[in-house]
Amino acid sequence: MPIWVKGLLIGFGISVTLIIFEYMAINREIAEKSKRIAKKVDWDSNQRARLRGMMTFGAVLPVGCAIGAWLVWG
């Protein structure tokens, strides 16, 4: 398997993990706020922007890891 494919797969795994953890953190914040004010709370614009930023980073990270692996070990 070419080294750039290994880098791509490693970057993909890291990005999926980061996106899942960010999503869980935002849901935990929403649950705590809902419990504190005793009312259901929806996602606000800051939380949407946080997740969108993490998803953008997650889309770029595999490509960066593939290029980095190719430059270092290729």
C-alpha atoms as a PDB file:
ATOM      1  CA  MET A   1       0.000   0.000   0.000  1.00  0.00           C
ATOM      2  CA  PRO A   2       1.463   3.394  -0.923  1.00  0.00           C
ATOM      3  CA  ILE A   3       2.533   5.595   1.970  1.00  0.00           C
ATOM      4  CA  TRP A   4       0.203   8.426   0.955  1.00  0.00           C
ATOM      5  CA  VAL A   5      -2.796   6.072   1.240  1.00  0.00           C
ATOM      6  CA  LYS A   6      -1.709   5.111   4.757  1.00  0.00           C
ATOM      7  CA  GLY A   7      -1.418   8.803   5.641  1.00  0.00           C
ATOM      8  CA  LEU A   8      -4.844   9.461   4.157  1.00  0.00           C
ATOM      9  CA  LEU A   9      -6.430   6.643   6.186  1.00  0.00           C
ATOM     10  CA  ILE A  10      -4.727   7.757   9.402  1.00  0.00           C
ATOM     11  CA  GLY A  11      -5.876  11.330   8.821  1.00  0.00           C
ATOM     12  CA  PHE A  12      -9.403  10.136   8.112  1.00  0.00           C
ATOM     13  CA  GLY A  13      -9.481   8.165  11.366  1.00  0.00           C
ATOM     14  CA  ILE A  14      -8.224  11.135  13.366  1.00  0.00           C
ATOM     15  CA  SER A  15     -10.718  13.501  11.743  1.00  0.00           C
ATOM     16  CA  VAL A  16     -13.686  11.211  12.393  1.00  0.00           C
ATOM     17  CA  THR A  17     -12.624  10.878  16.030  1.00  0.00           C
ATOM     18  CA  LEU A  18     -12.297  14.653  16.464  1.00  0.00           C
ATOM     19  CA  ILE A  19     -15.683  15.321  14.869  1.00  0.00           C
ATOM     20  CA  ILE A  20     -17.403  12.730  17.072  1.00  0.00           C
ATOM     21  CA  PHE A  21     -15.836  14.141  20.237  1.00  0.00           C
ATOM     22  CA  GLU A  22     -16.807  17.710  19.298  1.00  0.00           C
ATOM     23  CA  TYR A  23     -20.386  16.616  18.583  1.00  0.00           C
ATOM     24  CA  MET A  24     -20.569  14.837  21.945  1.00  0.00           C
ATOM     25  CA  ALA A  25     -19.158  17.899  23.739  1.00  0.00           C
ATOM     26  CA  ILE A  26     -21.762  20.185  22.168  1.00  0.00           C
ATOM     27  CA  ASN A  27     -24.569  17.773  23.080  1.00  0.00           C
ATOM     28  CA  ARG A  28     -23.279  17.637  26.655  1.00  0.00           C
ATOM     29  CA  GLU A  29     -23.317  21.460  26.828  1.00  0.00           C
ATOM     30  CA  ILE A  30     -26.885  21.526  25.527  1.00  0.00           C
ATOM     31  CA  ALA A  31     -27.974  18.890  28.055  1.00  0.00           C
ATOM     32  CA  GLU A  32     -26.398  20.811  30.931  1.00  0.00           C
ATOM     33  CA  LYS A  33     -28.001  24.071  29.839  1.00  0.00           C
ATOM     34  CA  SER A  34     -31.391  22.372  29.398  1.00  0.00           C
ATOM     35  CA  LYS A  35     -31.123  20.885  32.856  1.00  0.00           C
ATOM     36  CA  ARG A  36     -30.077  24.215  34.366  1.00  0.00           C
ATOM     37  CA  ILE A  37     -33.002  26.201  32.930  1.00  0.00           C
ATOM     38  CA  ALA A  38     -35.453  23.253  32.935  1.00  0.00           C
ATOM     39  CA  LYS A  39     -36.388  23.786  29.312  1.00  0.00           C
ATOM     40  CA  LYS A  40     -35.341  22.179  26.030  1.00  0.00           C
ATOM     41  CA  VAL A  41     -32.564  24.149  24.357  1.00  0.00           C
ATOM     42  CA  ASP A  42     -31.670  23.985  20.662  1.00  0.00           C
ATOM     43  CA  TRP A  43     -28.279  24.458  19.061  1.00  0.00           C
ATOM     44  CA  ASP A  44     -27.281  28.106  18.815  1.00  0.00           C
ATOM     45  CA  SER A  45     -25.249  29.690  16.040  1.00  0.00           C
ATOM     46  CA  ASN A  46     -21.956  29.390  17.928  1.00  0.00           C
ATOM     47  CA  GLN A  47     -22.354  25.650  18.381  1.00  0.00           C
ATOM     48  CA  ARG A  48     -23.275  25.190  14.721  1.00  0.00           C
ATOM     49  CA  ALA A  49     -20.225  27.208  13.712  1.00  0.00           C
ATOM     50  CA  ARG A  50     -17.996  25.127  16.017  1.00  0.00           C
ATOM     51  CA  LEU A  51     -19.170  21.886  14.456  1.00  0.00           C
ATOM     52  CA  ARG A  52     -18.963  23.295  10.924  1.00  0.00           C
ATOM     53  CA  GLY A  53     -15.390  24.427  11.597  1.00  0.00           C
ATOM     54  CA  MET A  54     -14.459  21.015  12.951  1.00  0.00           C
ATOM     55  CA  MET A  55     -16.016  19.323   9.911  1.00  0.00           C
ATOM     56  CA  THR A  56     -14.057  21.603   7.579  1.00  0.00           C
ATOM     57  CA  PHE A  57     -10.867  20.794   9.469  1.00  0.00           C
ATOM     58  CA  GLY A  58     -11.810  17.104   9.328  1.00  0.00           C
ATOM     59  CA  ALA A  59     -12.180  17.305   5.555  1.00  0.00           C
ATOM     60  CA  VAL A  60      -8.740  18.884   5.107  1.00  0.00           C
ATOM     61  CA  LEU A  61      -6.847  16.792   7.676  1.00  0.00           C
ATOM     62  CA  PRO A  62      -6.672  13.519   5.660  1.00  0.00           C
ATOM     63  CA  VAL A  63      -5.248  15.344   2.656  1.00  0.00           C
ATOM     64  CA  GLY A  64      -2.683  17.050   4.862  1.00  0.00           C
ATOM     65  CA  CYS A  65      -1.719  13.761   6.479  1.00  0.00           C
ATOM     66  CA  ALA A  66      -1.356  12.105   3.077  1.00  0.00           C
ATOM     67  CA  ILE A  67       0.891  14.890   1.821  1.00  0.00           C
ATOM     68  CA  GLY A  68       2.875  14.899   5.065  1.00  0.00           C
ATOM     69  CA  ALA A  69       3.400  11.150   4.979  1.00  0.00           C
ATOM     70  CA  TRP A  70       4.474  11.324   1.345  1.00  0.00           C
ATOM     71  CA  LEU A  71       6.958  14.112   2.094  1.00  0.00           C
ATOM     72  CA  VAL A  72       8.415  12.487   5.212  1.00  0.00           C
ATOM     73  CA  TRP A  73       8.541   8.818   4.222  1.00  0.00           C
ATOM     74  CA  GLY A  74       8.089   8.952   0.463  1.00  0.00           C
END
